[in-house]
Amino acid sequence: MKSYRKELWFQTKNRRELINITGEVKNCLKESGINEGLALCNAMHITASVFINDDESGLHQDFEKWLEKIAPEKPYNQYMHNGFEDNADAHLKRTIMGREAVIAVTEGRLDLGPWEQIFYGEFDGKRKKRVLIKIIGE
C-alpha cells in the first residue's frame, strides 16, 4: 500500500470564505500515483472546515446566512469563550460544517458525484492555515 501526504496552505483576505479546493486535491491525487484507495482532506485548525457540496454562489450565500443564524459572530459577549479571543462563532461554525471529507479513489479519480466539489471553509480568517491531504491505497 502507498501513502501520500501534502499540506495545502491558505490565507484568506476575509474572516469567512469558502474556497473550492477540488482541483488542488485532484493534483495531489495525480502526484500520489494512487489508483485505488481513499483521500482524506482535513482542516488542521479548529476554526476551519472541509466539506463537500455544490459550487453555486446562491448556495454559498445561503450557507453564510444559515450559519450566522445558528452561530452569529456578534455580539461577541454572547459567548463564554470570547474573552481573550472573539472567535467562538467560528468554532461553532466549524463543528456544524465538519472537520474533514473522505473521498473514494477509483481508477485514479476522485469518486465524486456529478455536482460534488471539495471546499475549504474559513470561519476566522486573515491568518495562514492549512489543510492536510492524505491519500492511501495502491
N, C-alpha and C. Protein backbone atom coordinates (compact mmCIF):
# COMPACT_ATOMS: atom_id res chain seq x y z
N MET A 1 0.84 -1.18 0.00
CA MET A 1 0.00 0.00 0.00
C MET A 1 0.88 1.24 0.00
N LYS A 2 0.50 2.25 -0.80
CA LYS A 2 1.20 3.53 -0.85
C LYS A 2 0.53 4.53 0.08
N SER A 3 1.31 5.53 0.46
CA SER A 3 0.80 6.61 1.29
C SER A 3 1.36 7.93 0.76
N TYR A 4 0.54 8.95 0.71
CA TYR A 4 0.92 10.28 0.21
C TYR A 4 0.40 11.31 1.19
N ARG A 5 1.20 12.35 1.44
CA ARG A 5 0.81 13.41 2.36
C ARG A 5 1.26 14.75 1.82
N LYS A 6 0.36 15.73 1.86
CA LYS A 6 0.71 17.09 1.45
C LYS A 6 -0.15 18.07 2.24
N GLU A 7 0.40 19.23 2.53
CA GLU A 7 -0.35 20.29 3.18
C GLU A 7 -0.63 21.40 2.19
N LEU A 8 -1.87 21.83 2.14
CA LEU A 8 -2.28 22.98 1.34
C LEU A 8 -2.43 24.16 2.30
N TRP A 9 -1.83 25.28 1.98
CA TRP A 9 -1.86 26.45 2.85
C TRP A 9 -2.76 27.53 2.27
N PHE A 10 -3.50 28.20 3.16
CA PHE A 10 -4.42 29.27 2.76
C PHE A 10 -4.28 30.44 3.71
N GLN A 11 -4.41 31.64 3.16
CA GLN A 11 -4.52 32.85 3.98
C GLN A 11 -5.58 33.71 3.32
N THR A 12 -6.76 33.72 3.92
CA THR A 12 -7.89 34.44 3.33
C THR A 12 -7.79 35.94 3.63
N LYS A 13 -8.43 36.71 2.77
CA LYS A 13 -8.49 38.16 2.96
C LYS A 13 -9.61 38.54 3.91
N ASN A 14 -10.61 37.65 4.01
CA ASN A 14 -11.79 37.92 4.83
C ASN A 14 -11.87 36.96 6.01
N ARG A 15 -12.67 37.34 6.99
CA ARG A 15 -12.87 36.47 8.16
C ARG A 15 -13.50 35.14 7.75
N ARG A 16 -14.47 35.19 6.82
CA ARG A 16 -15.13 33.97 6.36
C ARG A 16 -15.04 33.87 4.85
N GLU A 17 -14.62 32.70 4.39
CA GLU A 17 -14.57 32.43 2.95
C GLU A 17 -14.76 30.94 2.71
N LEU A 18 -15.32 30.64 1.56
CA LEU A 18 -15.42 29.26 1.07
C LEU A 18 -14.55 29.18 -0.18
N ILE A 19 -13.60 28.23 -0.18
CA ILE A 19 -12.66 28.09 -1.29
C ILE A 19 -12.79 26.69 -1.87
N ASN A 20 -13.03 26.62 -3.16
CA ASN A 20 -13.12 25.34 -3.86
C ASN A 20 -11.70 24.80 -4.02
N ILE A 21 -11.42 23.66 -3.39
CA ILE A 21 -10.08 23.06 -3.45
C ILE A 21 -10.06 21.76 -4.25
N THR A 22 -11.13 21.49 -4.99
CA THR A 22 -11.23 20.24 -5.74
C THR A 22 -10.04 20.05 -6.68
N GLY A 23 -9.70 21.08 -7.43
CA GLY A 23 -8.58 20.99 -8.37
C GLY A 23 -7.27 20.68 -7.69
N GLU A 24 -7.03 21.31 -6.54
CA GLU A 24 -5.79 21.05 -5.80
C GLU A 24 -5.74 19.62 -5.29
N VAL A 25 -6.89 19.10 -4.83
CA VAL A 25 -6.94 17.71 -4.35
C VAL A 25 -6.72 16.75 -5.52
N LYS A 26 -7.29 17.06 -6.68
CA LYS A 26 -7.05 16.24 -7.87
C LYS A 26 -5.57 16.23 -8.24
N ASN A 27 -4.92 17.37 -8.13
CA ASN A 27 -3.48 17.44 -8.41
C ASN A 27 -2.70 16.57 -7.43
N CYS A 28 -3.10 16.58 -6.17
CA CYS A 28 -2.45 15.73 -5.17
C CYS A 28 -2.61 14.25 -5.52
N LEU A 29 -3.82 13.89 -5.94
CA LEU A 29 -4.06 12.50 -6.32
C LEU A 29 -3.15 12.10 -7.48
N LYS A 30 -3.02 12.97 -8.45
CA LYS A 30 -2.15 12.69 -9.59
C LYS A 30 -0.70 12.51 -9.13
N GLU A 31 -0.23 13.42 -8.26
CA GLU A 31 1.13 13.33 -7.71
C GLU A 31 1.35 12.03 -6.95
N SER A 32 0.30 11.55 -6.28
CA SER A 32 0.43 10.37 -5.43
C SER A 32 0.66 9.09 -6.22
N GLY A 33 0.14 9.04 -7.44
CA GLY A 33 0.24 7.81 -8.23
C GLY A 33 -0.69 6.71 -7.75
N ILE A 34 -1.59 7.03 -6.85
CA ILE A 34 -2.51 6.03 -6.30
C ILE A 34 -3.74 5.94 -7.19
N ASN A 35 -4.15 4.71 -7.54
CA ASN A 35 -5.30 4.48 -8.42
C ASN A 35 -6.54 3.99 -7.69
N GLU A 36 -6.35 3.30 -6.59
CA GLU A 36 -7.48 2.77 -5.81
C GLU A 36 -7.19 3.02 -4.33
N GLY A 37 -8.12 3.66 -3.64
CA GLY A 37 -7.89 3.91 -2.22
C GLY A 37 -8.83 4.97 -1.67
N LEU A 38 -8.30 5.77 -0.75
CA LEU A 38 -9.07 6.82 -0.08
C LEU A 38 -8.24 8.09 0.01
N ALA A 39 -8.92 9.22 -0.15
CA ALA A 39 -8.29 10.52 0.02
C ALA A 39 -8.96 11.23 1.19
N LEU A 40 -8.17 11.63 2.16
CA LEU A 40 -8.65 12.40 3.31
C LEU A 40 -8.24 13.85 3.12
N CYS A 41 -9.18 14.75 3.30
CA CYS A 41 -8.93 16.18 3.27
C CYS A 41 -9.36 16.71 4.63
N ASN A 42 -8.41 17.20 5.42
CA ASN A 42 -8.65 17.50 6.82
C ASN A 42 -8.20 18.92 7.17
N ALA A 43 -9.14 19.75 7.64
CA ALA A 43 -8.77 21.09 8.12
C ALA A 43 -7.97 20.93 9.40
N MET A 44 -6.80 21.54 9.43
CA MET A 44 -5.89 21.39 10.57
C MET A 44 -6.03 22.51 11.60
N HIS A 45 -7.15 23.20 11.58
CA HIS A 45 -7.39 24.30 12.51
C HIS A 45 -8.83 24.21 13.01
N ILE A 46 -9.05 24.59 14.25
CA ILE A 46 -10.35 24.38 14.88
C ILE A 46 -11.39 25.44 14.53
N THR A 47 -11.03 26.36 13.66
CA THR A 47 -11.99 27.35 13.17
C THR A 47 -12.11 27.30 11.65
N ALA A 48 -11.77 26.15 11.07
CA ALA A 48 -11.88 25.95 9.62
C ALA A 48 -12.48 24.57 9.37
N SER A 49 -12.95 24.37 8.15
CA SER A 49 -13.68 23.16 7.81
C SER A 49 -13.32 22.68 6.42
N VAL A 50 -13.53 21.40 6.17
CA VAL A 50 -13.52 20.85 4.82
C VAL A 50 -14.84 20.11 4.66
N PHE A 51 -15.52 20.39 3.56
CA PHE A 51 -16.81 19.74 3.32
C PHE A 51 -17.03 19.60 1.82
N ILE A 52 -18.02 18.81 1.46
CA ILE A 52 -18.35 18.58 0.05
C ILE A 52 -19.76 19.09 -0.20
N ASN A 53 -19.88 19.89 -1.28
CA ASN A 53 -21.19 20.36 -1.69
C ASN A 53 -21.09 20.93 -3.10
N ASP A 54 -22.13 21.61 -3.54
CA ASP A 54 -22.21 22.20 -4.88
C ASP A 54 -21.48 23.54 -4.89
N ASP A 55 -20.83 23.87 -6.00
CA ASP A 55 -20.15 25.15 -6.16
C ASP A 55 -21.11 26.12 -6.85
N GLU A 56 -22.04 26.64 -6.08
CA GLU A 56 -23.07 27.52 -6.61
C GLU A 56 -23.17 28.74 -5.69
N SER A 57 -23.02 29.93 -6.26
CA SER A 57 -22.90 31.14 -5.44
C SER A 57 -24.11 31.39 -4.55
N GLY A 58 -25.32 31.10 -5.03
CA GLY A 58 -26.50 31.28 -4.19
C GLY A 58 -26.46 30.37 -2.97
N LEU A 59 -26.01 29.14 -3.18
CA LEU A 59 -25.88 28.20 -2.07
C LEU A 59 -24.84 28.70 -1.06
N HIS A 60 -23.75 29.25 -1.55
CA HIS A 60 -22.72 29.78 -0.65
C HIS A 60 -23.28 30.92 0.20
N GLN A 61 -24.10 31.77 -0.41
CA GLN A 61 -24.75 32.84 0.35
C GLN A 61 -25.73 32.26 1.37
N ASP A 62 -26.41 31.18 0.99
CA ASP A 62 -27.32 30.51 1.92
C ASP A 62 -26.56 29.95 3.12
N PHE A 63 -25.39 29.34 2.87
CA PHE A 63 -24.56 28.85 3.98
C PHE A 63 -24.23 29.98 4.93
N GLU A 64 -23.81 31.12 4.39
CA GLU A 64 -23.44 32.27 5.22
C GLU A 64 -24.61 32.72 6.08
N LYS A 65 -25.78 32.88 5.49
CA LYS A 65 -26.97 33.31 6.25
C LYS A 65 -27.36 32.27 7.30
N TRP A 66 -27.35 31.01 6.92
CA TRP A 66 -27.74 29.92 7.82
C TRP A 66 -26.79 29.83 9.00
N LEU A 67 -25.49 29.87 8.72
CA LEU A 67 -24.50 29.77 9.80
C LEU A 67 -24.59 30.98 10.74
N GLU A 68 -24.86 32.15 10.19
CA GLU A 68 -24.99 33.35 11.03
C GLU A 68 -26.23 33.27 11.91
N LYS A 69 -27.29 32.61 11.45
CA LYS A 69 -28.48 32.43 12.30
C LYS A 69 -28.18 31.48 13.45
N ILE A 70 -27.44 30.42 13.16
CA ILE A 70 -27.15 29.40 14.17
C ILE A 70 -26.07 29.86 15.15
N ALA A 71 -25.02 30.48 14.61
CA ALA A 71 -23.88 30.92 15.44
C ALA A 71 -23.43 32.31 14.98
N PRO A 72 -24.18 33.34 15.35
CA PRO A 72 -23.82 34.69 14.90
C PRO A 72 -22.49 35.16 15.48
N GLU A 73 -21.76 35.89 14.65
CA GLU A 73 -20.46 36.42 15.10
C GLU A 73 -20.62 37.40 16.26
N LYS A 74 -21.60 38.29 16.15
CA LYS A 74 -21.78 39.35 17.15
C LYS A 74 -23.17 39.24 17.76
N PRO A 75 -23.37 39.70 18.97
CA PRO A 75 -22.39 40.36 19.83
C PRO A 75 -21.39 39.35 20.42
N TYR A 76 -20.16 39.77 20.52
CA TYR A 76 -19.10 38.89 21.00
C TYR A 76 -19.35 38.41 22.43
N ASN A 77 -20.00 39.24 23.23
CA ASN A 77 -20.19 38.89 24.65
C ASN A 77 -21.26 37.82 24.88
N GLN A 78 -21.88 37.33 23.81
CA GLN A 78 -22.86 36.25 23.98
C GLN A 78 -22.20 34.90 24.23
N TYR A 79 -20.89 34.81 24.03
CA TYR A 79 -20.17 33.54 24.16
C TYR A 79 -19.21 33.56 25.35
N MET A 80 -19.21 32.49 26.10
CA MET A 80 -18.29 32.35 27.23
C MET A 80 -16.84 32.26 26.76
N HIS A 81 -16.60 31.69 25.60
CA HIS A 81 -15.25 31.53 25.05
C HIS A 81 -14.59 32.88 24.75
N ASN A 82 -15.40 33.85 24.35
CA ASN A 82 -14.86 35.14 23.94
C ASN A 82 -14.44 35.96 25.15
N GLY A 83 -13.18 36.00 25.35
CA GLY A 83 -12.58 36.83 26.40
C GLY A 83 -11.27 37.31 25.83
N PHE A 84 -10.36 36.36 25.68
CA PHE A 84 -9.07 36.65 25.05
C PHE A 84 -9.23 36.74 23.54
N GLU A 85 -10.13 35.94 22.98
CA GLU A 85 -10.37 35.94 21.53
C GLU A 85 -11.83 36.28 21.27
N ASP A 86 -12.14 36.53 19.98
CA ASP A 86 -13.52 36.83 19.60
C ASP A 86 -14.02 35.86 18.54
N ASN A 87 -13.63 34.59 18.65
CA ASN A 87 -13.93 33.65 17.57
C ASN A 87 -14.77 32.44 17.98
N ALA A 88 -15.53 32.56 19.03
CA ALA A 88 -16.38 31.42 19.46
C ALA A 88 -17.31 30.98 18.33
N ASP A 89 -17.86 31.95 17.60
CA ASP A 89 -18.76 31.60 16.50
C ASP A 89 -18.05 30.75 15.45
N ALA A 90 -16.78 31.01 15.20
CA ALA A 90 -16.00 30.25 14.21
C ALA A 90 -15.83 28.80 14.65
N HIS A 91 -15.63 28.58 15.94
CA HIS A 91 -15.53 27.21 16.46
C HIS A 91 -16.85 26.46 16.23
N LEU A 92 -17.96 27.13 16.49
CA LEU A 92 -19.27 26.51 16.31
C LEU A 92 -19.57 26.24 14.84
N LYS A 93 -19.22 27.19 13.98
CA LYS A 93 -19.44 27.01 12.53
C LYS A 93 -18.64 25.83 12.01
N ARG A 94 -17.43 25.68 12.50
CA ARG A 94 -16.60 24.54 12.09
C ARG A 94 -17.26 23.22 12.50
N THR A 95 -17.80 23.19 13.70
CA THR A 95 -18.45 21.98 14.18
C THR A 95 -19.65 21.63 13.29
N ILE A 96 -20.39 22.63 12.89
CA ILE A 96 -21.56 22.42 12.03
C ILE A 96 -21.15 21.92 10.64
N MET A 97 -20.13 22.53 10.05
CA MET A 97 -19.74 22.22 8.67
C MET A 97 -18.81 21.01 8.57
N GLY A 98 -18.21 20.62 9.67
CA GLY A 98 -17.40 19.41 9.66
C GLY A 98 -15.90 19.66 9.56
N ARG A 99 -15.15 18.69 10.00
CA ARG A 99 -13.70 18.78 10.06
C ARG A 99 -13.02 18.31 8.79
N GLU A 100 -13.57 17.23 8.17
CA GLU A 100 -12.88 16.62 7.05
C GLU A 100 -13.85 15.99 6.07
N ALA A 101 -13.28 15.61 4.93
CA ALA A 101 -14.01 14.84 3.92
C ALA A 101 -13.12 13.68 3.51
N VAL A 102 -13.73 12.52 3.34
CA VAL A 102 -13.03 11.34 2.83
C VAL A 102 -13.69 10.99 1.51
N ILE A 103 -12.86 10.86 0.48
CA ILE A 103 -13.36 10.59 -0.86
C ILE A 103 -12.73 9.31 -1.38
N ALA A 104 -13.55 8.42 -1.92
CA ALA A 104 -13.03 7.20 -2.54
C ALA A 104 -12.23 7.57 -3.79
N VAL A 105 -11.17 6.80 -4.02
CA VAL A 105 -10.37 6.93 -5.23
C VAL A 105 -10.60 5.67 -6.05
N THR A 106 -11.09 5.85 -7.26
CA THR A 106 -11.41 4.73 -8.14
C THR A 106 -10.81 5.00 -9.52
N GLU A 107 -10.00 4.06 -9.98
CA GLU A 107 -9.36 4.17 -11.29
C GLU A 107 -8.62 5.50 -11.45
N GLY A 108 -7.94 5.93 -10.38
CA GLY A 108 -7.13 7.14 -10.42
C GLY A 108 -7.89 8.45 -10.37
N ARG A 109 -9.19 8.39 -10.03
CA ARG A 109 -10.00 9.59 -9.97
C ARG A 109 -10.71 9.69 -8.63
N LEU A 110 -10.98 10.94 -8.21
CA LEU A 110 -11.80 11.15 -7.03
C LEU A 110 -13.22 10.71 -7.38
N ASP A 111 -13.81 9.88 -6.57
CA ASP A 111 -15.13 9.34 -6.83
C ASP A 111 -16.19 10.27 -6.26
N LEU A 112 -16.38 11.41 -6.94
CA LEU A 112 -17.34 12.42 -6.52
C LEU A 112 -18.60 12.32 -7.38
N GLY A 113 -19.72 12.72 -6.82
CA GLY A 113 -20.97 12.77 -7.57
C GLY A 113 -20.92 13.90 -8.60
N PRO A 114 -21.94 13.99 -9.46
CA PRO A 114 -21.89 14.92 -10.59
C PRO A 114 -21.70 16.40 -10.21
N TRP A 115 -22.21 16.83 -9.09
CA TRP A 115 -22.08 18.24 -8.71
C TRP A 115 -21.20 18.44 -7.49
N GLU A 116 -20.66 17.36 -6.95
CA GLU A 116 -19.88 17.47 -5.72
C GLU A 116 -18.51 18.11 -5.96
N GLN A 117 -18.19 19.05 -5.08
CA GLN A 117 -16.90 19.73 -5.07
C GLN A 117 -16.41 19.76 -3.62
N ILE A 118 -15.10 19.87 -3.46
CA ILE A 118 -14.50 19.88 -2.12
C ILE A 118 -14.19 21.34 -1.77
N PHE A 119 -14.60 21.73 -0.57
CA PHE A 119 -14.40 23.11 -0.13
C PHE A 119 -13.62 23.20 1.16
N TYR A 120 -12.79 24.24 1.23
CA TYR A 120 -12.18 24.68 2.47
C TYR A 120 -13.05 25.82 2.97
N GLY A 121 -13.59 25.68 4.17
CA GLY A 121 -14.40 26.73 4.79
C GLY A 121 -13.60 27.42 5.88
N GLU A 122 -13.40 28.70 5.71
CA GLU A 122 -12.66 29.50 6.70
C GLU A 122 -13.66 30.35 7.46
N PHE A 123 -13.62 30.27 8.79
CA PHE A 123 -14.57 30.99 9.62
C PHE A 123 -13.91 32.00 10.57
N ASP A 124 -12.60 32.04 10.59
CA ASP A 124 -11.84 33.00 11.40
C ASP A 124 -10.53 33.30 10.68
N GLY A 125 -10.65 33.89 9.52
CA GLY A 125 -9.52 34.03 8.60
C GLY A 125 -8.57 35.16 8.88
N LYS A 126 -7.88 35.50 7.80
CA LYS A 126 -6.83 36.52 7.79
C LYS A 126 -5.56 36.02 8.46
N ARG A 127 -5.45 34.70 8.58
CA ARG A 127 -4.24 34.07 9.12
C ARG A 127 -3.90 32.88 8.24
N LYS A 128 -2.65 32.48 8.27
CA LYS A 128 -2.21 31.34 7.48
C LYS A 128 -2.67 30.05 8.16
N LYS A 129 -3.40 29.22 7.38
CA LYS A 129 -3.91 27.95 7.90
C LYS A 129 -3.73 26.88 6.84
N ARG A 130 -3.87 25.61 7.26
CA ARG A 130 -3.58 24.51 6.34
C ARG A 130 -4.65 23.42 6.33
N VAL A 131 -4.64 22.69 5.22
CA VAL A 131 -5.47 21.51 5.05
C VAL A 131 -4.53 20.37 4.75
N LEU A 132 -4.69 19.26 5.45
CA LEU A 132 -3.91 18.08 5.22
C LEU A 132 -4.59 17.22 4.16
N ILE A 133 -3.81 16.80 3.18
CA ILE A 133 -4.29 15.84 2.18
C ILE A 133 -3.51 14.54 2.43
N LYS A 134 -4.21 13.48 2.74
CA LYS A 134 -3.58 12.17 2.98
C LYS A 134 -4.29 11.18 2.08
N ILE A 135 -3.52 10.53 1.20
CA ILE A 135 -4.09 9.58 0.27
C ILE A 135 -3.40 8.24 0.49
N ILE A 136 -4.21 7.20 0.68
CA ILE A 136 -3.66 5.86 0.88
C ILE A 136 -4.32 4.91 -0.12
N GLY A 137 -3.56 3.93 -0.55
CA GLY A 137 -4.09 2.94 -1.47
C GLY A 137 -3.01 2.33 -2.34
N GLU A 138 -3.42 1.83 -3.46
CA GLU A 138 -2.49 1.17 -4.37
C GLU A 138 -2.59 1.74 -5.76
